[in-house]
């Protein structure tokens, strides 16, 4: 599930939890999800949108504090600036937290790693890539 799809699900959570498919607005990835859901036979027509919504909610809850920022931004419709002001946070902290949570929520390793393990693993990868683990880039 892509980053944009996760945002679309969050923005349409009430409709999906009601068992309906909202307008996909021409997004091919979302169109494919809806077509697959409408073709599934072994259960009621309203189950697929509900299952998708619940899956995204579960992913969001696993993100802890960053998941709360995502919820406020995309379900509550609060701007990042207003979240930062209300929570007394730097805007960069809010944006980074939302971004990290959305990447985790749309990723494939989500079931293998908790959000904290995933953040730690990605931080280590960034440090190695940037030379922050004792390897200096400009040694002569």
C-alpha atoms as a PDB file:
ATOM      1  CA  UNK A   1       0.000   0.000   0.000  1.00  0.00           C
ATOM      2  CA  UNK A   2       1.512   3.301  -1.045  1.00  0.00           C
ATOM      3  CA  UNK A   3       1.976   6.473   0.964  1.00  0.00           C
ATOM      4  CA  UNK A   4      -0.807   8.244  -0.959  1.00  0.00           C
ATOM      5  CA  UNK A   5      -3.185   5.337  -0.459  1.00  0.00           C
ATOM      6  CA  UNK A   6      -2.682   5.444   3.304  1.00  0.00           C
ATOM      7  CA  UNK A   7      -3.501   9.167   3.308  1.00  0.00           C
ATOM      8  CA  UNK A   8      -6.590   8.533   1.126  1.00  0.00           C
ATOM      9  CA  UNK A   9      -7.808   5.843   3.541  1.00  0.00           C
ATOM     10  CA  UNK A  10      -7.269   8.123   6.544  1.00  0.00           C
ATOM     11  CA  UNK A  11      -9.102  11.003   4.877  1.00  0.00           C
ATOM     12  CA  UNK A  12     -12.036   8.699   3.997  1.00  0.00           C
ATOM     13  CA  UNK A  13     -12.051   6.598   7.164  1.00  0.00           C
ATOM     14  CA  UNK A  14     -15.671   7.317   8.126  1.00  0.00           C
ATOM     15  CA  UNK A  15     -16.971   6.297   4.689  1.00  0.00           C
ATOM     16  CA  UNK A  16     -14.847   3.129   4.624  1.00  0.00           C
ATOM     17  CA  UNK A  17     -15.875   2.142   8.157  1.00  0.00           C
ATOM     18  CA  UNK A  18     -19.472   2.559   6.972  1.00  0.00           C
ATOM     19  CA  UNK A  19     -18.861  -0.206   4.422  1.00  0.00           C
ATOM     20  CA  UNK A  20     -18.779   2.005   1.308  1.00  0.00           C
ATOM     21  CA  UNK A  21     -16.060   2.832  -1.212  1.00  0.00           C
ATOM     22  CA  UNK A  22     -15.481   6.586  -1.590  1.00  0.00           C
ATOM     23  CA  UNK A  23     -14.497   8.219  -4.883  1.00  0.00           C
ATOM     24  CA  UNK A  24     -10.951   7.237  -5.881  1.00  0.00           C
ATOM     25  CA  UNK A  25     -10.454  10.495  -7.812  1.00  0.00           C
ATOM     26  CA  UNK A  26      -8.634   8.790 -10.677  1.00  0.00           C
ATOM     27  CA  UNK A  27      -5.771   7.346  -8.607  1.00  0.00           C
ATOM     28  CA  UNK A  28      -4.856   4.016 -10.291  1.00  0.00           C
ATOM     29  CA  UNK A  29      -3.561   2.388  -7.099  1.00  0.00           C
ATOM     30  CA  UNK A  30      -6.788   3.192  -5.238  1.00  0.00           C
ATOM     31  CA  UNK A  31      -8.910   2.183  -8.250  1.00  0.00           C
ATOM     32  CA  UNK A  32      -7.229  -1.256  -8.160  1.00  0.00           C
ATOM     33  CA  UNK A  33      -7.913  -1.660  -4.438  1.00  0.00           C
ATOM     34  CA  UNK A  34     -11.577  -0.774  -4.951  1.00  0.00           C
ATOM     35  CA  UNK A  35     -11.955  -3.093  -7.979  1.00  0.00           C
ATOM     36  CA  UNK A  36     -10.376  -5.977  -6.047  1.00  0.00           C
ATOM     37  CA  UNK A  37     -12.686  -5.276  -3.105  1.00  0.00           C
ATOM     38  CA  UNK A  38     -15.798  -5.195  -5.271  1.00  0.00           C
ATOM     39  CA  UNK A  39     -14.880  -8.508  -6.934  1.00  0.00           C
ATOM     40  CA  UNK A  40     -14.236 -10.475  -3.760  1.00  0.00           C
ATOM     41  CA  UNK A  41     -16.894 -13.148  -3.363  1.00  0.00           C
ATOM     42  CA  UNK A  42     -16.448 -14.997  -0.070  1.00  0.00           C
ATOM     43  CA  UNK A  43     -17.955 -12.278   2.105  1.00  0.00           C
ATOM     44  CA  UNK A  44     -20.378  -9.373   2.158  1.00  0.00           C
ATOM     45  CA  UNK A  45     -19.805  -6.370  -0.129  1.00  0.00           C
ATOM     46  CA  UNK A  46     -19.271  -3.994   2.802  1.00  0.00           C
ATOM     47  CA  UNK A  47     -16.510  -6.004   4.491  1.00  0.00           C
ATOM     48  CA  UNK A  48     -13.581  -5.030   2.246  1.00  0.00           C
ATOM     49  CA  UNK A  49     -13.756  -1.265   2.831  1.00  0.00           C
ATOM     50  CA  UNK A  50     -14.140  -1.880   6.559  1.00  0.00           C
ATOM     51  CA  UNK A  51     -11.186  -4.290   6.624  1.00  0.00           C
ATOM     52  CA  UNK A  52      -9.000  -1.791   4.749  1.00  0.00           C
ATOM     53  CA  UNK A  53      -9.934   1.004   7.165  1.00  0.00           C
ATOM     54  CA  UNK A  54      -9.297  -1.148  10.231  1.00  0.00           C
ATOM     55  CA  UNK A  55      -5.920  -2.290   8.858  1.00  0.00           C
ATOM     56  CA  UNK A  56      -4.783   1.314   8.349  1.00  0.00           C
ATOM     57  CA  UNK A  57      -6.078   2.275  11.799  1.00  0.00           C
ATOM     58  CA  UNK A  58      -4.120  -0.586  13.364  1.00  0.00           C
ATOM     59  CA  UNK A  59      -0.961   0.514  11.555  1.00  0.00           C
ATOM     60  CA  UNK A  60      -1.518   4.069  12.782  1.00  0.00           C
ATOM     61  CA  UNK A  61      -2.035   2.957  16.406  1.00  0.00           C
ATOM     62  CA  UNK A  62       1.237   0.998  16.291  1.00  0.00           C
ATOM     63  CA  UNK A  63       3.069   4.274  15.606  1.00  0.00           C
ATOM     64  CA  UNK A  64       2.349   5.654  19.072  1.00  0.00           C
ATOM     65  CA  UNK A  65       2.907   9.403  19.382  1.00  0.00           C
ATOM     66  CA  UNK A  66       3.663   9.791  15.659  1.00  0.00           C
ATOM     67  CA  UNK A  67       0.436   7.932  14.911  1.00  0.00           C
ATOM     68  CA  UNK A  68      -1.421  10.476  17.023  1.00  0.00           C
ATOM     69  CA  UNK A  69       0.113  13.245  14.891  1.00  0.00           C
ATOM     70  CA  UNK A  70      -1.066  11.420  11.745  1.00  0.00           C
ATOM     71  CA  UNK A  71      -4.548  11.050  13.219  1.00  0.00           C
ATOM     72  CA  UNK A  72      -4.766  14.748  14.048  1.00  0.00           C
ATOM     73  CA  UNK A  73      -3.485  15.751  10.609  1.00  0.00           C
ATOM     74  CA  UNK A  74      -5.480  13.468   8.293  1.00  0.00           C
ATOM     75  CA  UNK A  75      -8.520  12.398  10.298  1.00  0.00           C
ATOM     76  CA  UNK A  76      -8.904  15.564  12.365  1.00  0.00           C
ATOM     77  CA  UNK A  77      -7.958  17.829   9.462  1.00  0.00           C
ATOM     78  CA  UNK A  78      -5.665  19.950  11.642  1.00  0.00           C
ATOM     79  CA  UNK A  79      -2.756  21.644   9.869  1.00  0.00           C
ATOM     80  CA  UNK A  80       0.797  20.732  10.844  1.00  0.00           C
ATOM     81  CA  UNK A  81       1.369  24.299  12.059  1.00  0.00           C
ATOM     82  CA  UNK A  82      -1.673  24.122  14.350  1.00  0.00           C
ATOM     83  CA  UNK A  83      -0.623  20.703  15.681  1.00  0.00           C
ATOM     84  CA  UNK A  84       2.846  22.073  16.467  1.00  0.00           C
ATOM     85  CA  UNK A  85       1.406  25.099  18.213  1.00  0.00           C
ATOM     86  CA  UNK A  86      -1.164  23.103  20.183  1.00  0.00           C
ATOM     87  CA  UNK A  87       1.375  20.456  21.252  1.00  0.00           C
ATOM     88  CA  UNK A  88       4.212  22.952  21.832  1.00  0.00           C
ATOM     89  CA  UNK A  89       6.433  21.162  19.328  1.00  0.00           C
ATOM     90  CA  UNK A  90       8.778  22.321  16.624  1.00  0.00           C
ATOM     91  CA  UNK A  91       7.083  22.173  13.218  1.00  0.00           C
ATOM     92  CA  UNK A  92       9.968  20.018  11.986  1.00  0.00           C
ATOM     93  CA  UNK A  93       9.222  17.456  14.732  1.00  0.00           C
ATOM     94  CA  UNK A  94       5.582  17.307  13.652  1.00  0.00           C
ATOM     95  CA  UNK A  95       6.423  16.944   9.941  1.00  0.00           C
ATOM     96  CA  UNK A  96       9.110  14.326  10.561  1.00  0.00           C
ATOM     97  CA  UNK A  97       6.850  12.338  12.902  1.00  0.00           C
ATOM     98  CA  UNK A  98       3.994  12.334  10.403  1.00  0.00           C
ATOM     99  CA  UNK A  99       6.310  11.398   7.546  1.00  0.00           C
ATOM    100  CA  UNK A 100       7.984   8.563   9.488  1.00  0.00           C
ATOM    101  CA  UNK A 101       4.632   7.132  10.569  1.00  0.00           C
ATOM    102  CA  UNK A 102       3.207   7.266   7.029  1.00  0.00           C
ATOM    103  CA  UNK A 103       6.280   5.540   5.590  1.00  0.00           C
ATOM    104  CA  UNK A 104       6.010   2.818   8.237  1.00  0.00           C
ATOM    105  CA  UNK A 105       2.267   2.478   7.693  1.00  0.00           C
ATOM    106  CA  UNK A 106       2.730   2.018   3.944  1.00  0.00           C
ATOM    107  CA  UNK A 107       5.722  -0.323   4.255  1.00  0.00           C
ATOM    108  CA  UNK A 108       6.135  -4.049   3.970  1.00  0.00           C
ATOM    109  CA  UNK A 109       8.297  -4.675   7.060  1.00  0.00           C
ATOM    110  CA  UNK A 110       5.573  -3.355   9.310  1.00  0.00           C
ATOM    111  CA  UNK A 111       4.596  -6.817  10.567  1.00  0.00           C
ATOM    112  CA  UNK A 112       8.186  -7.943  11.192  1.00  0.00           C
ATOM    113  CA  UNK A 113       9.241  -4.915  13.229  1.00  0.00           C
ATOM    114  CA  UNK A 114       7.540  -2.747  15.801  1.00  0.00           C
ATOM    115  CA  UNK A 115       7.510   0.955  14.991  1.00  0.00           C
ATOM    116  CA  UNK A 116      10.334   1.585  17.489  1.00  0.00           C
ATOM    117  CA  UNK A 117      12.471  -1.212  15.992  1.00  0.00           C
ATOM    118  CA  UNK A 118      11.776   0.081  12.488  1.00  0.00           C
ATOM    119  CA  UNK A 119      12.752   3.662  13.464  1.00  0.00           C
ATOM    120  CA  UNK A 120      15.964   2.417  15.069  1.00  0.00           C
ATOM    121  CA  UNK A 121      16.855   0.284  12.042  1.00  0.00           C
ATOM    122  CA  UNK A 122      16.230   3.171   9.649  1.00  0.00           C
ATOM    123  CA  UNK A 123      18.200   5.584  11.840  1.00  0.00           C
ATOM    124  CA  UNK A 124      21.179   3.203  11.718  1.00  0.00           C
ATOM    125  CA  UNK A 125      20.912   2.949   7.917  1.00  0.00           C
ATOM    126  CA  UNK A 126      20.854   6.761   7.621  1.00  0.00           C
ATOM    127  CA  UNK A 127      23.880   7.084   9.904  1.00  0.00           C
ATOM    128  CA  UNK A 128      25.870   4.580   7.864  1.00  0.00           C
ATOM    129  CA  UNK A 129      24.840   6.307   4.642  1.00  0.00           C
ATOM    130  CA  UNK A 130      25.841   9.700   6.065  1.00  0.00           C
ATOM    131  CA  UNK A 131      29.078   8.470   7.626  1.00  0.00           C
ATOM    132  CA  UNK A 132      28.031   9.127  11.225  1.00  0.00           C
ATOM    133  CA  UNK A 133      29.170   5.807  12.714  1.00  0.00           C
ATOM    134  CA  UNK A 134      32.845   6.640  13.098  1.00  0.00           C
ATOM    135  CA  UNK A 135      33.679   6.712   9.410  1.00  0.00           C
ATOM    136  CA  UNK A 136      34.863  10.099   8.354  1.00  0.00           C
ATOM    137  CA  UNK A 137      34.133  11.011   4.746  1.00  0.00           C
ATOM    138  CA  UNK A 138      37.227  13.119   4.104  1.00  0.00           C
ATOM    139  CA  UNK A 139      40.095  11.045   5.511  1.00  0.00           C
ATOM    140  CA  UNK A 140      43.337  11.527   3.576  1.00  0.00           C
END
